[in-house]
Amino acid sequence: MMWGYGQGMGWMWLWVPLLLIGIALLVVLAVRVAGGGVRDGYGPPGPAGPGGPPPAGASRARQILDERFARGELTADQYREHLRVLGEGP
């Protein structure tokens, strides 16, 4: 006697791994939402933050200068002087 399982029993082994994968994906999603998502940098997301893309036309030297100023390695006067030397300042 087959007790109603019939030919569908061959696919039952697939449900347990699919259920475990689904639960794992829900846990990962919950952790990302609770943690505020994943960002490249430490500042606010978007073009204004350090994780965002550089401004259009910004040179690598300007990016390094911005990073050094953000870390506190340069004073505001030093920053402006370096910008002037690079030709990108006011």
C-alpha atoms as a PDB file:
ATOM      1  CA  MET A   1       0.000   0.000   0.000  1.00  0.00           C
ATOM      2  CA  MET A   2       1.353   3.437  -0.903  1.00  0.00           C
ATOM      3  CA  TRP A   3      -0.508   5.574   1.684  1.00  0.00           C
ATOM      4  CA  GLY A   4      -1.106   8.366  -0.811  1.00  0.00           C
ATOM      5  CA  TYR A   5       2.532   9.295  -1.471  1.00  0.00           C
ATOM      6  CA  GLY A   6       2.608   7.989  -5.001  1.00  0.00           C
ATOM      7  CA  GLN A   7       5.124   9.283  -7.538  1.00  0.00           C
ATOM      8  CA  GLY A   8       5.497  12.704  -5.884  1.00  0.00           C
ATOM      9  CA  MET A   9       7.669  11.249  -3.130  1.00  0.00           C
ATOM     10  CA  GLY A  10      10.759  11.473  -5.353  1.00  0.00           C
ATOM     11  CA  TRP A  11      10.751  15.296  -5.090  1.00  0.00           C
ATOM     12  CA  MET A  12      10.322  15.495  -1.301  1.00  0.00           C
ATOM     13  CA  TRP A  13      14.085  15.500  -0.672  1.00  0.00           C
ATOM     14  CA  LEU A  14      14.298  18.849  -2.491  1.00  0.00           C
ATOM     15  CA  TRP A  15      12.042  20.733  -0.064  1.00  0.00           C
ATOM     16  CA  VAL A  16      14.383  20.575   2.959  1.00  0.00           C
ATOM     17  CA  PRO A  17      17.399  22.216   1.234  1.00  0.00           C
ATOM     18  CA  LEU A  18      15.118  24.831  -0.364  1.00  0.00           C
ATOM     19  CA  LEU A  19      13.588  25.615   3.020  1.00  0.00           C
ATOM     20  CA  LEU A  20      17.029  25.949   4.641  1.00  0.00           C
ATOM     21  CA  ILE A  21      18.273  28.221   1.845  1.00  0.00           C
ATOM     22  CA  GLY A  22      15.152  30.371   2.174  1.00  0.00           C
ATOM     23  CA  ILE A  23      15.624  30.719   5.935  1.00  0.00           C
ATOM     24  CA  ALA A  24      19.306  31.642   5.458  1.00  0.00           C
ATOM     25  CA  LEU A  25      18.395  34.315   2.896  1.00  0.00           C
ATOM     26  CA  LEU A  26      15.807  35.792   5.262  1.00  0.00           C
ATOM     27  CA  VAL A  27      18.377  35.931   8.076  1.00  0.00           C
ATOM     28  CA  VAL A  28      20.928  37.660   5.810  1.00  0.00           C
ATOM     29  CA  LEU A  29      18.303  40.151   4.659  1.00  0.00           C
ATOM     30  CA  ALA A  30      17.243  40.892   8.248  1.00  0.00           C
ATOM     31  CA  VAL A  31      20.868  41.495   9.308  1.00  0.00           C
ATOM     32  CA  ARG A  32      21.474  43.863   6.371  1.00  0.00           C
ATOM     33  CA  VAL A  33      18.320  45.847   7.075  1.00  0.00           C
ATOM     34  CA  ALA A  34      19.039  46.049  10.807  1.00  0.00           C
ATOM     35  CA  GLY A  35      22.658  47.090  10.173  1.00  0.00           C
ATOM     36  CA  GLY A  36      21.782  49.863   7.742  1.00  0.00           C
ATOM     37  CA  GLY A  37      22.987  48.038   4.628  1.00  0.00           C
ATOM     38  CA  VAL A  38      26.474  47.591   3.254  1.00  0.00           C
ATOM     39  CA  ARG A  39      28.575  50.638   2.272  1.00  0.00           C
ATOM     40  CA  ASP A  40      32.047  51.015   0.857  1.00  0.00           C
ATOM     41  CA  GLY A  41      33.063  53.964   3.007  1.00  0.00           C
ATOM     42  CA  TYR A  42      32.451  55.252   6.482  1.00  0.00           C
ATOM     43  CA  GLY A  43      30.637  58.431   5.573  1.00  0.00           C
ATOM     44  CA  PRO A  44      27.090  58.951   4.398  1.00  0.00           C
ATOM     45  CA  PRO A  45      26.129  57.004   1.312  1.00  0.00           C
ATOM     46  CA  GLY A  46      26.037  58.758  -2.009  1.00  0.00           C
ATOM     47  CA  PRO A  47      28.312  61.090  -3.960  1.00  0.00           C
ATOM     48  CA  ALA A  48      28.944  63.330  -0.942  1.00  0.00           C
ATOM     49  CA  GLY A  49      30.413  60.527   1.184  1.00  0.00           C
ATOM     50  CA  PRO A  50      33.847  58.947   0.893  1.00  0.00           C
ATOM     51  CA  GLY A  51      32.286  55.701  -0.334  1.00  0.00           C
ATOM     52  CA  GLY A  52      30.591  57.405  -3.245  1.00  0.00           C
ATOM     53  CA  PRO A  53      31.962  58.114  -6.673  1.00  0.00           C
ATOM     54  CA  PRO A  54      34.391  61.021  -7.014  1.00  0.00           C
ATOM     55  CA  PRO A  55      33.072  64.314  -8.353  1.00  0.00           C
ATOM     56  CA  ALA A  56      33.164  64.648 -12.125  1.00  0.00           C
ATOM     57  CA  GLY A  57      36.617  65.723 -13.281  1.00  0.00           C
ATOM     58  CA  ALA A  58      38.284  65.214  -9.885  1.00  0.00           C
ATOM     59  CA  SER A  59      41.855  63.983 -10.136  1.00  0.00           C
ATOM     60  CA  ARG A  60      43.339  61.223  -8.012  1.00  0.00           C
ATOM     61  CA  ALA A  61      45.527  63.854  -6.315  1.00  0.00           C
ATOM     62  CA  ARG A  62      42.391  65.760  -5.295  1.00  0.00           C
ATOM     63  CA  GLN A  63      40.846  62.582  -3.905  1.00  0.00           C
ATOM     64  CA  ILE A  64      43.948  61.880  -1.819  1.00  0.00           C
ATOM     65  CA  LEU A  65      43.984  65.465  -0.619  1.00  0.00           C
ATOM     66  CA  ASP A  66      40.311  65.233   0.384  1.00  0.00           C
ATOM     67  CA  GLU A  67      40.972  62.005   2.264  1.00  0.00           C
ATOM     68  CA  ARG A  68      43.943  63.482   4.134  1.00  0.00           C
ATOM     69  CA  PHE A  69      41.900  66.549   5.089  1.00  0.00           C
ATOM     70  CA  ALA A  70      39.030  64.336   6.261  1.00  0.00           C
ATOM     71  CA  ARG A  71      41.414  62.311   8.457  1.00  0.00           C
ATOM     72  CA  GLY A  72      42.721  65.508  10.055  1.00  0.00           C
ATOM     73  CA  GLU A  73      46.223  65.274   8.600  1.00  0.00           C
ATOM     74  CA  LEU A  74      45.914  68.751   7.052  1.00  0.00           C
ATOM     75  CA  THR A  75      44.650  72.042   8.433  1.00  0.00           C
ATOM     76  CA  ALA A  76      42.138  74.085   6.453  1.00  0.00           C
ATOM     77  CA  ASP A  77      44.891  76.481   5.356  1.00  0.00           C
ATOM     78  CA  GLN A  78      47.139  73.639   4.182  1.00  0.00           C
ATOM     79  CA  TYR A  79      44.204  72.082   2.342  1.00  0.00           C
ATOM     80  CA  ARG A  80      43.406  75.319   0.505  1.00  0.00           C
ATOM     81  CA  GLU A  81      47.087  75.835  -0.364  1.00  0.00           C
ATOM     82  CA  HIS A  82      47.376  72.338  -1.811  1.00  0.00           C
ATOM     83  CA  LEU A  83      44.176  72.870  -3.787  1.00  0.00           C
ATOM     84  CA  ARG A  84      45.617  76.071  -5.194  1.00  0.00           C
ATOM     85  CA  VAL A  85      48.845  74.296  -6.190  1.00  0.00           C
ATOM     86  CA  LEU A  86      46.814  71.584  -7.910  1.00  0.00           C
ATOM     87  CA  GLY A  87      44.849  74.224  -9.744  1.00  0.00           C
ATOM     88  CA  GLU A  88      41.535  72.923  -8.407  1.00  0.00           C
ATOM     89  CA  GLY A  89      40.942  75.403  -5.620  1.00  0.00           C
ATOM     90  CA  PRO A  90      39.198  78.740  -5.275  1.00  0.00           C
END
